[in-house]
C-alpha atoms as a PDB file:
ATOM      1  CA  MET A   1      69.856 120.909  65.829  1.00  0.00           C
ATOM      2  CA  ALA A   2      69.357 119.242  68.716  1.00  0.00           C
ATOM      3  CA  PRO A   3      73.077 119.187  70.555  1.00  0.00           C
ATOM      4  CA  ARG A   4      74.935 116.196  70.239  1.00  0.00           C
ATOM      5  CA  LYS A   5      74.711 112.797  72.624  1.00  0.00           C
ATOM      6  CA  LEU A   6      77.506 110.383  73.817  1.00  0.00           C
ATOM      7  CA  GLN A   7      76.025 107.143  72.937  1.00  0.00           C
ATOM      8  CA  VAL A   8      77.166 104.736  75.437  1.00  0.00           C
ATOM      9  CA  GLY A   9      76.799 101.251  76.545  1.00  0.00           C
ATOM     10  CA  VAL A  10      77.033  99.450  80.063  1.00  0.00           C
ATOM     11  CA  ALA A  11      78.845  96.302  80.509  1.00  0.00           C
ATOM     12  CA  GLY A  12      77.914  94.321  83.231  1.00  0.00           C
ATOM     13  CA  LEU A  13      74.061  94.233  84.906  1.00  0.00           C
ATOM     14  CA  GLY A  14      75.271  93.013  88.760  1.00  0.00           C
ATOM     15  CA  ARG A  15      74.440  95.367  91.745  1.00  0.00           C
ATOM     16  CA  MET A  16      76.502  97.912  90.166  1.00  0.00           C
ATOM     17  CA  GLY A  17      75.730  97.644  86.312  1.00  0.00           C
ATOM     18  CA  LYS A  18      72.383  98.130  86.836  1.00  0.00           C
ATOM     19  CA  ARG A  19      73.043 101.234  88.745  1.00  0.00           C
ATOM     20  CA  HIS A  20      74.951 102.698  85.986  1.00  0.00           C
ATOM     21  CA  ALA A  21      72.409 101.942  83.396  1.00  0.00           C
ATOM     22  CA  MET A  22      70.066 103.957  85.448  1.00  0.00           C
ATOM     23  CA  ASN A  23      72.004 106.672  85.351  1.00  0.00           C
ATOM     24  CA  PHE A  24      73.161 107.387  81.843  1.00  0.00           C
ATOM     25  CA  PHE A  25      68.905 106.421  81.474  1.00  0.00           C
ATOM     26  CA  GLN A  26      68.218 109.039  83.629  1.00  0.00           C
ATOM     27  CA  ALA A  27      71.087 110.831  85.164  1.00  0.00           C
ATOM     28  CA  VAL A  28      73.502 112.241  82.937  1.00  0.00           C
ATOM     29  CA  PRO A  29      71.864 114.818  80.267  1.00  0.00           C
ATOM     30  CA  ARG A  30      74.117 115.225  77.253  1.00  0.00           C
ATOM     31  CA  ALA A  31      74.620 110.870  76.967  1.00  0.00           C
ATOM     32  CA  SER A  32      72.429 108.845  75.719  1.00  0.00           C
ATOM     33  CA  LEU A  33      72.439 105.100  77.003  1.00  0.00           C
ATOM     34  CA  VAL A  34      72.187 102.779  73.454  1.00  0.00           C
ATOM     35  CA  ALA A  35      73.486  99.115  74.630  1.00  0.00           C
ATOM     36  CA  VAL A  36      73.962  97.088  77.818  1.00  0.00           C
ATOM     37  CA  SER A  37      75.654  93.636  77.824  1.00  0.00           C
ATOM     38  CA  SER A  38      75.540  90.944  80.484  1.00  0.00           C
ATOM     39  CA  PRO A  39      76.405  87.541  80.540  1.00  0.00           C
ATOM     40  CA  ASP A  40      73.558  85.804  82.726  1.00  0.00           C
ATOM     41  CA  ALA A  41      70.213  85.490  81.028  1.00  0.00           C
ATOM     42  CA  VAL A  42      68.180  87.167  84.538  1.00  0.00           C
ATOM     43  CA  GLU A  43      70.165  90.328  83.907  1.00  0.00           C
ATOM     44  CA  ARG A  44      69.204  90.850  80.386  1.00  0.00           C
ATOM     45  CA  ALA A  45      65.347  90.062  81.121  1.00  0.00           C
ATOM     46  CA  TRP A  46      65.993  92.861  83.722  1.00  0.00           C
ATOM     47  CA  ALA A  47      67.186  94.722  80.809  1.00  0.00           C
ATOM     48  CA  GLN A  48      64.943  93.798  77.984  1.00  0.00           C
ATOM     49  CA  GLU A  49      61.813  94.937  80.611  1.00  0.00           C
ATOM     50  CA  THR A  50      63.065  97.982  82.141  1.00  0.00           C
ATOM     51  CA  LEU A  51      65.299  99.653  79.083  1.00  0.00           C
ATOM     52  CA  GLY A  52      64.206  97.338  75.930  1.00  0.00           C
ATOM     53  CA  SER A  53      60.959 100.003  75.254  1.00  0.00           C
ATOM     54  CA  SER A  54      63.709 102.409  75.030  1.00  0.00           C
ATOM     55  CA  GLY A  55      65.400 100.926  72.146  1.00  0.00           C
ATOM     56  CA  VAL A  56      68.212 100.286  74.499  1.00  0.00           C
ATOM     57  CA  LYS A  57      69.981  97.353  72.767  1.00  0.00           C
ATOM     58  CA  VAL A  58      70.323  94.286  75.465  1.00  0.00           C
ATOM     59  CA  TYR A  59      73.359  91.918  74.254  1.00  0.00           C
ATOM     60  CA  GLU A  60      74.796  88.989  75.845  1.00  0.00           C
ATOM     61  CA  SER A  61      78.393  89.571  74.376  1.00  0.00           C
ATOM     62  CA  PHE A  62      80.558  92.553  75.610  1.00  0.00           C
ATOM     63  CA  GLU A  63      82.255  92.071  72.422  1.00  0.00           C
ATOM     64  CA  ASP A  64      79.356  91.843  69.950  1.00  0.00           C
ATOM     65  CA  MET A  65      77.897  95.748  72.068  1.00  0.00           C
ATOM     66  CA  LEU A  66      81.452  96.930  71.343  1.00  0.00           C
ATOM     67  CA  GLY A  67      80.295  96.773  67.245  1.00  0.00           C
ATOM     68  CA  GLN A  68      77.061  98.403  67.872  1.00  0.00           C
ATOM     69  CA  ASP A  69      76.691 101.184  64.948  1.00  0.00           C
ATOM     70  CA  GLY A  70      77.547 104.266  66.798  1.00  0.00           C
ATOM     71  CA  LEU A  71      78.406 103.654  70.125  1.00  0.00           C
ATOM     72  CA  ASP A  72      80.758 105.783  71.160  1.00  0.00           C
ATOM     73  CA  ALA A  73      81.711 105.117  74.875  1.00  0.00           C
ATOM     74  CA  VAL A  74      81.426 102.659  77.510  1.00  0.00           C
ATOM     75  CA  CYS A  75      80.650 102.679  81.286  1.00  0.00           C
ATOM     76  CA  ILE A  76      82.062  98.707  82.331  1.00  0.00           C
ATOM     77  CA  ALA A  77      80.504  97.632  85.752  1.00  0.00           C
ATOM     78  CA  SER A  78      81.076  93.481  84.908  1.00  0.00           C
ATOM     79  CA  ALA A  79      83.004  91.088  87.642  1.00  0.00           C
ATOM     80  CA  THR A  80      86.702  93.241  89.168  1.00  0.00           C
ATOM     81  CA  ALA A  81      88.111  89.882  87.090  1.00  0.00           C
ATOM     82  CA  VAL A  82      87.376  91.170  83.550  1.00  0.00           C
ATOM     83  CA  HIS A  83      87.960  95.284  84.011  1.00  0.00           C
ATOM     84  CA  ALA A  84      90.712  95.129  82.821  1.00  0.00           C
ATOM     85  CA  ALA A  85      90.364  92.340  79.742  1.00  0.00           C
ATOM     86  CA  GLN A  86      87.197  94.694  79.060  1.00  0.00           C
ATOM     87  CA  ALA A  87      88.780  98.295  79.064  1.00  0.00           C
ATOM     88  CA  ILE A  88      91.792  97.115  76.647  1.00  0.00           C
ATOM     89  CA  ALA A  89      88.816  95.639  74.439  1.00  0.00           C
ATOM     90  CA  ALA A  90      87.019  98.734  74.575  1.00  0.00           C
ATOM     91  CA  ILE A  91      90.432 101.049  74.157  1.00  0.00           C
ATOM     92  CA  ASP A  92      91.439  99.343  70.811  1.00  0.00           C
ATOM     93  CA  ALA A  93      87.790  99.523  69.787  1.00  0.00           C
ATOM     94  CA  GLY A  94      88.099 103.530  69.652  1.00  0.00           C
ATOM     95  CA  LYS A  95      85.471 103.598  72.591  1.00  0.00           C
ATOM     96  CA  HIS A  96      85.824 106.166  75.337  1.00  0.00           C
ATOM     97  CA  VAL A  97      85.938 103.976  78.946  1.00  0.00           C
ATOM     98  CA  LEU A  98      84.485 104.833  82.744  1.00  0.00           C
ATOM     99  CA  CYS A  99      85.640 101.581  84.788  1.00  0.00           C
ATOM    100  CA  GLU A 100      84.422 101.090  87.703  1.00  0.00           C
ATOM    101  CA  LYS A 101      86.818 100.918  90.218  1.00  0.00           C
ATOM    102  CA  PRO A 102      89.576  98.587  90.773  1.00  0.00           C
ATOM    103  CA  LEU A 103      91.063  98.543  87.371  1.00  0.00           C
ATOM    104  CA  ALA A 104      92.125  95.014  87.905  1.00  0.00           C
ATOM    105  CA  THR A 105      93.510  92.970  90.654  1.00  0.00           C
ATOM    106  CA  THR A 106      96.532  93.049  90.380  1.00  0.00           C
ATOM    107  CA  PRO A 107      98.998  96.435  89.228  1.00  0.00           C
ATOM    108  CA  GLU A 108      99.993  94.298  86.416  1.00  0.00           C
ATOM    109  CA  LYS A 109      96.695  93.810  85.076  1.00  0.00           C
ATOM    110  CA  SER A 110      96.353  98.077  86.340  1.00  0.00           C
ATOM    111  CA  GLU A 111      99.273  98.821  84.430  1.00  0.00           C
ATOM    112  CA  SER A 112      97.983  96.854  80.911  1.00  0.00           C
ATOM    113  CA  VAL A 113      95.668  99.661  80.788  1.00  0.00           C
ATOM    114  CA  ILE A 114      97.604 102.534  81.082  1.00  0.00           C
ATOM    115  CA  ILE A 115      99.689 100.868  78.022  1.00  0.00           C
ATOM    116  CA  ALA A 116      96.738 100.321  76.139  1.00  0.00           C
ATOM    117  CA  ALA A 117      95.298 103.907  76.740  1.00  0.00           C
ATOM    118  CA  ALA A 118      98.812 105.520  75.701  1.00  0.00           C
ATOM    119  CA  ARG A 119      98.217 103.817  72.422  1.00  0.00           C
ATOM    120  CA  ARG A 120      94.968 106.023  72.161  1.00  0.00           C
ATOM    121  CA  PRO A 121      95.561 109.158  73.437  1.00  0.00           C
ATOM    122  CA  GLU A 122      92.456 110.962  72.135  1.00  0.00           C
ATOM    123  CA  LEU A 123      90.323 108.786  73.832  1.00  0.00           C
ATOM    124  CA  LYS A 124      89.376 109.800  77.231  1.00  0.00           C
ATOM    125  CA  VAL A 125      89.974 106.586  79.788  1.00  0.00           C
ATOM    126  CA  MET A 126      88.763 106.902  83.296  1.00  0.00           C
ATOM    127  CA  CYS A 127      88.850 104.690  86.691  1.00  0.00           C
ATOM    128  CA  GLY A 128      85.600 105.827  88.604  1.00  0.00           C
ATOM    129  CA  PHE A 129      86.590 106.632  92.266  1.00  0.00           C
ATOM    130  CA  SER A 130      82.830 108.569  93.176  1.00  0.00           C
ATOM    131  CA  ARG A 131      83.917 110.475  96.380  1.00  0.00           C
ATOM    132  CA  ARG A 132      86.470 112.269  94.345  1.00  0.00           C
ATOM    133  CA  PHE A 133      82.976 113.461  93.113  1.00  0.00           C
ATOM    134  CA  ASP A 134      80.756 113.221  96.238  1.00  0.00           C
ATOM    135  CA  ALA A 135      79.546 117.436  96.899  1.00  0.00           C
ATOM    136  CA  SER A 136      81.520 116.746 100.469  1.00  0.00           C
ATOM    137  CA  TYR A 137      84.723 115.271  99.964  1.00  0.00           C
ATOM    138  CA  CYS A 138      85.036 117.997  96.981  1.00  0.00           C
ATOM    139  CA  ASP A 139      84.614 120.632  99.884  1.00  0.00           C
ATOM    140  CA  ALA A 140      87.558 118.976 102.217  1.00  0.00           C
ATOM    141  CA  ARG A 141      89.595 118.588  99.495  1.00  0.00           C
ATOM    142  CA  GLU A 142      89.367 122.671  98.415  1.00  0.00           C
ATOM    143  CA  LYS A 143      89.755 123.382 101.955  1.00  0.00           C
ATOM    144  CA  VAL A 144      93.125 121.421 102.395  1.00  0.00           C
ATOM    145  CA  ALA A 145      94.331 123.035  99.261  1.00  0.00           C
ATOM    146  CA  ALA A 146      93.613 126.126 100.791  1.00  0.00           C
ATOM    147  CA  GLY A 147      95.476 125.508 103.924  1.00  0.00           C
ATOM    148  CA  MET A 148      93.238 125.581 106.290  1.00  0.00           C
ATOM    149  CA  ILE A 149      94.711 122.476 108.189  1.00  0.00           C
ATOM    150  CA  GLY A 150      98.010 123.027 107.595  1.00  0.00           C
ATOM    151  CA  ARG A 151     100.103 120.651 106.236  1.00  0.00           C
ATOM    152  CA  PRO A 152      97.832 116.988 106.159  1.00  0.00           C
ATOM    153  CA  SER A 153     100.274 114.443 107.817  1.00  0.00           C
ATOM    154  CA  VAL A 154      97.322 112.177 108.827  1.00  0.00           C
ATOM    155  CA  PHE A 155      94.593 110.299 107.588  1.00  0.00           C
ATOM    156  CA  ARG A 156      92.209 107.846 108.400  1.00  0.00           C
ATOM    157  CA  SER A 157      89.165 106.408 107.069  1.00  0.00           C
ATOM    158  CA  GLN A 158      86.859 104.005 106.618  1.00  0.00           C
ATOM    159  CA  THR A 159      84.793 102.083 103.767  1.00  0.00           C
ATOM    160  CA  CYS A 160      82.021  99.846 105.943  1.00  0.00           C
ATOM    161  CA  ASP A 161      79.434  97.959 104.748  1.00  0.00           C
ATOM    162  CA  MET A 162      75.371  96.717 106.508  1.00  0.00           C
ATOM    163  CA  PHE A 163      75.880  92.881 106.609  1.00  0.00           C
ATOM    164  CA  ASP A 164      74.705  90.628 104.043  1.00  0.00           C
ATOM    165  CA  PRO A 165      73.348  88.042 105.100  1.00  0.00           C
ATOM    166  CA  THR A 166      72.917  85.924 101.741  1.00  0.00           C
ATOM    167  CA  GLY A 167      76.427  85.630 101.674  1.00  0.00           C
ATOM    168  CA  PHE A 168      77.438  87.455  98.667  1.00  0.00           C
ATOM    169  CA  PHE A 169      80.680  88.995 100.171  1.00  0.00           C
ATOM    170  CA  VAL A 170      81.965  85.729 100.462  1.00  0.00           C
ATOM    171  CA  GLN A 171      80.863  84.278  96.683  1.00  0.00           C
ATOM    172  CA  TYR A 172      82.340  87.304  95.438  1.00  0.00           C
ATOM    173  CA  ALA A 173      85.745  86.993  97.299  1.00  0.00           C
ATOM    174  CA  ALA A 174      87.028  84.570  94.813  1.00  0.00           C
ATOM    175  CA  LEU A 175      86.865  87.658  91.869  1.00  0.00           C
ATOM    176  CA  SER A 176      87.042  90.153  93.993  1.00  0.00           C
ATOM    177  CA  GLY A 177      90.703  90.440  94.512  1.00  0.00           C
ATOM    178  CA  GLY A 178      89.789  90.506  98.876  1.00  0.00           C
ATOM    179  CA  ILE A 179      88.380  93.267 100.755  1.00  0.00           C
ATOM    180  CA  PHE A 180      90.654  95.902 100.743  1.00  0.00           C
ATOM    181  CA  VAL A 181      91.079  95.881  96.616  1.00  0.00           C
ATOM    182  CA  ASP A 182      87.463  95.521  96.546  1.00  0.00           C
ATOM    183  CA  CYS A 183      86.617  97.562  99.514  1.00  0.00           C
ATOM    184  CA  GLY A 184      89.556  99.472 101.459  1.00  0.00           C
ATOM    185  CA  ILE A 185      90.354 101.021  97.837  1.00  0.00           C
ATOM    186  CA  HIS A 186      87.974 103.300  98.588  1.00  0.00           C
ATOM    187  CA  ASP A 187      90.093 104.955 101.117  1.00  0.00           C
ATOM    188  CA  VAL A 188      93.310 104.398  99.573  1.00  0.00           C
ATOM    189  CA  ASP A 189      92.548 106.729  96.799  1.00  0.00           C
ATOM    190  CA  LEU A 190      91.254 108.955  99.488  1.00  0.00           C
ATOM    191  CA  ALA A 191      94.253 109.618 101.319  1.00  0.00           C
ATOM    192  CA  LEU A 192      96.441 109.565  97.641  1.00  0.00           C
ATOM    193  CA  TRP A 193      93.609 112.131  96.769  1.00  0.00           C
ATOM    194  CA  PHE A 194      94.829 114.896  99.851  1.00  0.00           C
ATOM    195  CA  PHE A 195      98.104 113.906 100.272  1.00  0.00           C
ATOM    196  CA  SER A 196      98.819 114.854  96.982  1.00  0.00           C
ATOM    197  CA  GLU A 197     100.432 118.320  96.015  1.00  0.00           C
ATOM    198  CA  ASN A 198      97.502 120.351  93.729  1.00  0.00           C
ATOM    199  CA  GLY A 199      95.654 117.457  93.355  1.00  0.00           C
ATOM    200  CA  LYS A 200      98.173 116.387  91.288  1.00  0.00           C
ATOM    201  CA  LYS A 201     101.622 114.877  92.486  1.00  0.00           C
ATOM    202  CA  GLU A 202     101.262 111.396  94.431  1.00  0.00           C
ATOM    203  CA  PRO A 203     102.945 110.355  97.612  1.00  0.00           C
ATOM    204  CA  ARG A 204     105.326 107.654  97.558  1.00  0.00           C
ATOM    205  CA  VAL A 205     104.022 104.773  99.578  1.00  0.00           C
ATOM    206  CA  LYS A 206     107.171 103.634 101.805  1.00  0.00           C
ATOM    207  CA  SER A 207     105.293 100.309 103.445  1.00  0.00           C
ATOM    208  CA  VAL A 208     101.897  98.693 104.579  1.00  0.00           C
ATOM    209  CA  TYR A 209     100.943  96.961 107.765  1.00  0.00           C
ATOM    210  CA  ALA A 210      97.586  95.461 107.433  1.00  0.00           C
ATOM    211  CA  THR A 211      95.925  92.974 109.685  1.00  0.00           C
ATOM    212  CA  GLY A 212      92.195  90.807 109.360  1.00  0.00           C
ATOM    213  CA  ILE A 213      89.823  88.688 110.725  1.00  0.00           C
ATOM    214  CA  THR A 214      86.375  86.818 110.332  1.00  0.00           C
ATOM    215  CA  ALA A 215      84.336  87.986 112.394  1.00  0.00           C
ATOM    216  CA  ILE A 216      80.606  87.148 111.050  1.00  0.00           C
ATOM    217  CA  GLU A 217      81.544  85.046 107.176  1.00  0.00           C
ATOM    218  CA  PRO A 218      83.672  82.286 108.425  1.00  0.00           C
ATOM    219  CA  GLY A 219      83.352  81.296 104.394  1.00  0.00           C
ATOM    220  CA  LEU A 220      86.095  84.114 103.540  1.00  0.00           C
ATOM    221  CA  GLN A 221      88.807  82.509 104.788  1.00  0.00           C
ATOM    222  CA  GLU A 222      88.756  79.359 102.308  1.00  0.00           C
ATOM    223  CA  HIS A 223      89.503  83.086 100.324  1.00  0.00           C
ATOM    224  CA  LYS A 224      92.211  84.519 102.254  1.00  0.00           C
ATOM    225  CA  ASP A 225      89.879  86.906 102.806  1.00  0.00           C
ATOM    226  CA  ALA A 226      88.293  88.914 106.344  1.00  0.00           C
ATOM    227  CA  ASP A 227      85.214  90.371 106.728  1.00  0.00           C
ATOM    228  CA  ASN A 228      87.038  93.026 109.014  1.00  0.00           C
ATOM    229  CA  ALA A 229      90.943  94.108 108.815  1.00  0.00           C
ATOM    230  CA  VAL A 230      92.829  97.383 109.185  1.00  0.00           C
ATOM    231  CA  GLY A 231      95.479  98.599 107.312  1.00  0.00           C
ATOM    232  CA  VAL A 232      98.544 101.266 107.575  1.00  0.00           C
ATOM    233  CA  ILE A 233     100.235 102.451 105.323  1.00  0.00           C
ATOM    234  CA  GLU A 234     103.341 105.092 105.498  1.00  0.00           C
ATOM    235  CA  PHE A 235     104.296 107.537 102.842  1.00  0.00           C
ATOM    236  CA  ASP A 236     107.084 109.659 102.185  1.00  0.00           C
ATOM    237  CA  GLN A 237     107.683 113.174 104.175  1.00  0.00           C
ATOM    238  CA  ASP A 238     106.410 111.781 107.940  1.00  0.00           C
ATOM    239  CA  ARG A 239     102.618 110.926 106.372  1.00  0.00           C
ATOM    240  CA  ILE A 240     100.836 108.198 107.880  1.00  0.00           C
ATOM    241  CA  ALA A 241      97.105 106.414 106.758  1.00  0.00           C
ATOM    242  CA  TYR A 242      94.734 104.950 108.568  1.00  0.00           C
ATOM    243  CA  ILE A 243      92.392 102.520 106.552  1.00  0.00           C
ATOM    244  CA  TYR A 244      89.574 100.275 108.096  1.00  0.00           C
ATOM    245  CA  CYS A 245      86.920  98.476 106.378  1.00  0.00           C
ATOM    246  CA  SER A 246      84.299  95.968 107.316  1.00  0.00           C
ATOM    247  CA  ARG A 247      81.198  93.653 106.315  1.00  0.00           C
ATOM    248  CA  MET A 248      79.056  93.866 109.044  1.00  0.00           C
ATOM    249  CA  MET A 249      77.902  96.501 110.039  1.00  0.00           C
ATOM    250  CA  ALA A 250      74.402  96.431 111.714  1.00  0.00           C
ATOM    251  CA  ALA A 251      72.880 100.234 111.062  1.00  0.00           C
ATOM    252  CA  GLY A 252      73.615 100.442 107.037  1.00  0.00           C
ATOM    253  CA  GLN A 253      77.072 101.960 105.825  1.00  0.00           C
ATOM    254  CA  GLU A 254      79.084 104.281 107.728  1.00  0.00           C
ATOM    255  CA  ASP A 255      81.809 105.696 105.105  1.00  0.00           C
ATOM    256  CA  SER A 256      83.990 108.517 107.470  1.00  0.00           C
ATOM    257  CA  THR A 257      86.605 109.752 107.048  1.00  0.00           C
ATOM    258  CA  GLU A 258      89.645 112.261 109.195  1.00  0.00           C
ATOM    259  CA  ILE A 259      92.382 114.168 107.752  1.00  0.00           C
ATOM    260  CA  ILE A 260      94.290 115.480 110.631  1.00  0.00           C
ATOM    261  CA  GLY A 261      96.789 118.577 109.732  1.00  0.00           C
ATOM    262  CA  THR A 262      99.398 120.389 111.423  1.00  0.00           C
ATOM    263  CA  LYS A 263      96.605 123.264 112.166  1.00  0.00           C
ATOM    264  CA  GLY A 264      93.514 121.240 112.159  1.00  0.00           C
ATOM    265  CA  LYS A 265      91.781 118.800 111.148  1.00  0.00           C
ATOM    266  CA  LEU A 266      88.768 117.804 109.191  1.00  0.00           C
ATOM    267  CA  SER A 267      86.416 115.230 108.934  1.00  0.00           C
ATOM    268  CA  VAL A 268      83.826 113.855 106.741  1.00  0.00           C
ATOM    269  CA  ASN A 269      80.509 111.505 107.396  1.00  0.00           C
ATOM    270  CA  LEU A 270      81.328 111.017 111.129  1.00  0.00           C
ATOM    271  CA  LEU A 271      78.266 110.357 112.557  1.00  0.00           C
ATOM    272  CA  PRO A 272      76.525 109.053 109.239  1.00  0.00           C
ATOM    273  CA  GLN A 273      72.725 109.580 108.758  1.00  0.00           C
ATOM    274  CA  ASP A 274      70.308 108.797 105.624  1.00  0.00           C
ATOM    275  CA  ASN A 275      69.035 112.214 105.759  1.00  0.00           C
ATOM    276  CA  LEU A 276      68.291 115.223 107.928  1.00  0.00           C
ATOM    277  CA  VAL A 277      64.820 113.399 109.613  1.00  0.00           C
ATOM    278  CA  ARG A 278      65.614 112.330 113.337  1.00  0.00           C
ATOM    279  CA  ILE A 279      62.882 110.225 114.911  1.00  0.00           C
ATOM    280  CA  TYR A 280      61.764 110.382 118.411  1.00  0.00           C
ATOM    281  CA  GLU A 281      60.805 107.715 120.459  1.00  0.00           C
ATOM    282  CA  ALA A 282      59.937 106.998 124.294  1.00  0.00           C
ATOM    283  CA  GLY A 283      63.560 105.515 124.683  1.00  0.00           C
ATOM    284  CA  GLY A 284      65.186 108.681 122.629  1.00  0.00           C
ATOM    285  CA  ILE A 285      65.892 110.039 119.495  1.00  0.00           C
ATOM    286  CA  ARG A 286      67.614 108.739 116.578  1.00  0.00           C
ATOM    287  CA  HIS A 287      67.821 108.569 112.152  1.00  0.00           C
ATOM    288  CA  GLU A 288      68.528 106.740 110.005  1.00  0.00           C
ATOM    289  CA  LEU A 289      71.917 105.522 107.857  1.00  0.00           C
ATOM    290  CA  PRO A 290      71.836 104.258 103.744  1.00  0.00           C
ATOM    291  CA  GLN A 291      71.587 101.184 103.385  1.00  0.00           C
ATOM    292  CA  ASN A 292      74.234 100.606 100.692  1.00  0.00           C
ATOM    293  CA  TYR A 293      76.928 102.242  99.164  1.00  0.00           C
ATOM    294  CA  TRP A 294      75.333 103.653  96.435  1.00  0.00           C
ATOM    295  CA  GLY A 295      72.807 105.154  98.725  1.00  0.00           C
ATOM    296  CA  ARG A 296      75.232 107.072 100.431  1.00  0.00           C
ATOM    297  CA  PHE A 297      77.036 108.253  96.782  1.00  0.00           C
ATOM    298  CA  GLN A 298      74.700 107.718  94.408  1.00  0.00           C
ATOM    299  CA  ASN A 299      74.464 111.435  93.549  1.00  0.00           C
ATOM    300  CA  ALA A 300      78.247 111.219  93.408  1.00  0.00           C
ATOM    301  CA  PHE A 301      78.130 108.441  90.796  1.00  0.00           C
ATOM    302  CA  ALA A 302      75.765 110.583  88.858  1.00  0.00           C
ATOM    303  CA  LYS A 303      78.533 113.457  88.806  1.00  0.00           C
ATOM    304  CA  GLU A 304      81.397 111.156  87.916  1.00  0.00           C
ATOM    305  CA  ALA A 305      79.101 110.217  85.155  1.00  0.00           C
ATOM    306  CA  VAL A 306      78.189 113.683  83.910  1.00  0.00           C
ATOM    307  CA  GLU A 307      81.778 114.510  84.644  1.00  0.00           C
ATOM    308  CA  TRP A 308      83.285 111.936  82.730  1.00  0.00           C
ATOM    309  CA  THR A 309      80.321 112.847  79.213  1.00  0.00           C
ATOM    310  CA  ASN A 310      81.787 115.951  79.410  1.00  0.00           C
ATOM    311  CA  CYS A 311      85.264 115.142  78.747  1.00  0.00           C
ATOM    312  CA  CYS A 312      84.486 113.054  75.563  1.00  0.00           C
ATOM    313  CA  LEU A 313      82.440 115.383  74.110  1.00  0.00           C
ATOM    314  CA  ASP A 314      84.522 118.499  74.899  1.00  0.00           C
ATOM    315  CA  GLY A 315      88.196 116.953  74.768  1.00  0.00           C
ATOM    316  CA  ILE A 316      88.927 117.786  78.198  1.00  0.00           C
ATOM    317  CA  GLU A 317      91.208 115.860  80.512  1.00  0.00           C
ATOM    318  CA  VAL A 318      89.957 113.827  83.025  1.00  0.00           C
ATOM    319  CA  PRO A 319      89.842 114.627  86.206  1.00  0.00           C
ATOM    320  CA  VAL A 320      91.426 110.714  87.951  1.00  0.00           C
ATOM    321  CA  LYS A 321      94.428 110.035  86.207  1.00  0.00           C
ATOM    322  CA  LEU A 322      94.976 106.035  85.345  1.00  0.00           C
ATOM    323  CA  SER A 323      98.300 106.632  87.369  1.00  0.00           C
ATOM    324  CA  GLY A 324      96.529 107.066  90.690  1.00  0.00           C
ATOM    325  CA  ALA A 325      93.681 104.056  89.887  1.00  0.00           C
ATOM    326  CA  VAL A 326      97.026 101.828  89.148  1.00  0.00           C
ATOM    327  CA  MET A 327      98.599 102.937  92.773  1.00  0.00           C
ATOM    328  CA  ALA A 328      95.398 102.623  94.648  1.00  0.00           C
ATOM    329  CA  VAL A 329      95.936  98.970  93.328  1.00  0.00           C
ATOM    330  CA  ARG A 330      99.044  98.682  94.047  1.00  0.00           C
ATOM    331  CA  ILE A 331      99.152  99.878  97.638  1.00  0.00           C
ATOM    332  CA  ALA A 332      95.510  97.465  98.255  1.00  0.00           C
ATOM    333  CA  ALA A 333      96.873  94.281  96.658  1.00  0.00           C
ATOM    334  CA  ALA A 334     100.321  95.004  98.935  1.00  0.00           C
ATOM    335  CA  LEU A 335      97.709  95.668 102.013  1.00  0.00           C
ATOM    336  CA  GLN A 336      95.760  92.552 101.362  1.00  0.00           C
ATOM    337  CA  GLU A 337      99.147  90.384 100.965  1.00  0.00           C
ATOM    338  CA  SER A 338     100.418  91.743 104.506  1.00  0.00           C
ATOM    339  CA  MET A 339      97.076  90.839 105.803  1.00  0.00           C
ATOM    340  CA  VAL A 340      97.789  87.130 104.509  1.00  0.00           C
ATOM    341  CA  THR A 341     101.246  87.017 105.507  1.00  0.00           C
ATOM    342  CA  ARG A 342     100.993  88.888 108.361  1.00  0.00           C
ATOM    343  CA  ARG A 343     104.309  90.586 107.099  1.00  0.00           C
ATOM    344  CA  LYS A 344     105.041  94.600 106.208  1.00  0.00           C
ATOM    345  CA  VAL A 345     105.657  95.078 102.872  1.00  0.00           C
ATOM    346  CA  TRP A 346     108.090  97.559 101.600  1.00  0.00           C
ATOM    347  CA  PHE A 347     108.386  99.303  98.656  1.00  0.00           C
ATOM    348  CA  ASP A 348     111.494 101.529  97.123  1.00  0.00           C
ATOM    349  CA  GLY A 349     111.772 105.301  95.567  1.00  0.00           C
ATOM    350  CA  ASP A 350     109.503 104.222  92.229  1.00  0.00           C
ATOM    351  CA  GLY A 351     106.888 102.558  94.317  1.00  0.00           C
ATOM    352  CA  VAL A 352     107.468  99.178  93.882  1.00  0.00           C
ATOM    353  CA  GLN A 353     107.654  96.253  96.111  1.00  0.00           C
ATOM    354  CA  THR A 354     110.622  95.499  97.428  1.00  0.00           C
ATOM    355  CA  ASP A 355     112.262  92.885  99.951  1.00  0.00           C
ATOM    356  CA  ARG A 356     113.219  95.366 102.586  1.00  0.00           C
ATOM    357  CA  ALA A 357     112.901  99.654 104.024  1.00  0.00           C
ATOM    358  CA  GLN A 358     114.702 101.953 101.261  1.00  0.00           C
ATOM    359  CA  LEU A 359     117.140 104.341 103.186  1.00  0.00           C
END
């Protein structure tokens, strides 16, 4: 008798949805992609052509997909604005959930997912922060935990997308929550992870401040957003994080991190490269960069899906806690607010925004 496989449906078939669908279709041995959904006719046509002949059912309605017989779990890769609502609907329908980051654009909506998940503790509900599954970041985290650099005190990280001339990010800004919530939240999550105690107890945020510019996409100003932004996060116990996010890189995807401790420093991907090929030309020696986020972290997405699937089938705890995902949204949304208002945002001892500094 063949081992049981997790029957998975993917919601959303845009940029990331297609990739998640193909991931579960090809790269997760213990899962079977059985359904996909999208309100977009072009995306459904792609799914029918690419996956339909393999028996994957294609739905216009997410709710109809949830009703498919035998469906065990859903991966939510829809527009950010509907992440929380779809996650809650899936939980209420008794499905395991892997939700693309962020859980929602606001802390309040993100909290609603935690409340729903608490009603169904037997379900495995996880927010997908892909870098936690990247081999280099995992290695760096293990070295920090082993004390190699002493006490981590300064964290510097960036998520820098290659410039997209189609205007996609301008259109997306109306729904994304802004550059910190959509883009910089990866770095916020990493800061929480690297500053956590034993990878579990998260650091307490004290304040954030951010500023941003529209250097290349003036249309973002309509949405009070930026194409380049810098944020500073102050944590308890004298720790600080510096976040840079950008939509205008010329060469390719540039995502890198430094963790600076009292006895040393670790860096991840400070010199981005697509592979180990070097091009020797008359003008010098060069190498190529990944052209998008997927190009850099494709293997991490596969590992994320594999580990979540194992948690669902084996009844083990998911590696990324919802509480951390909510805190990441709370901090990223505060950075976005600070960028717009040009004011520092303070937090109390419980991680809730307050009007003034806490002594």
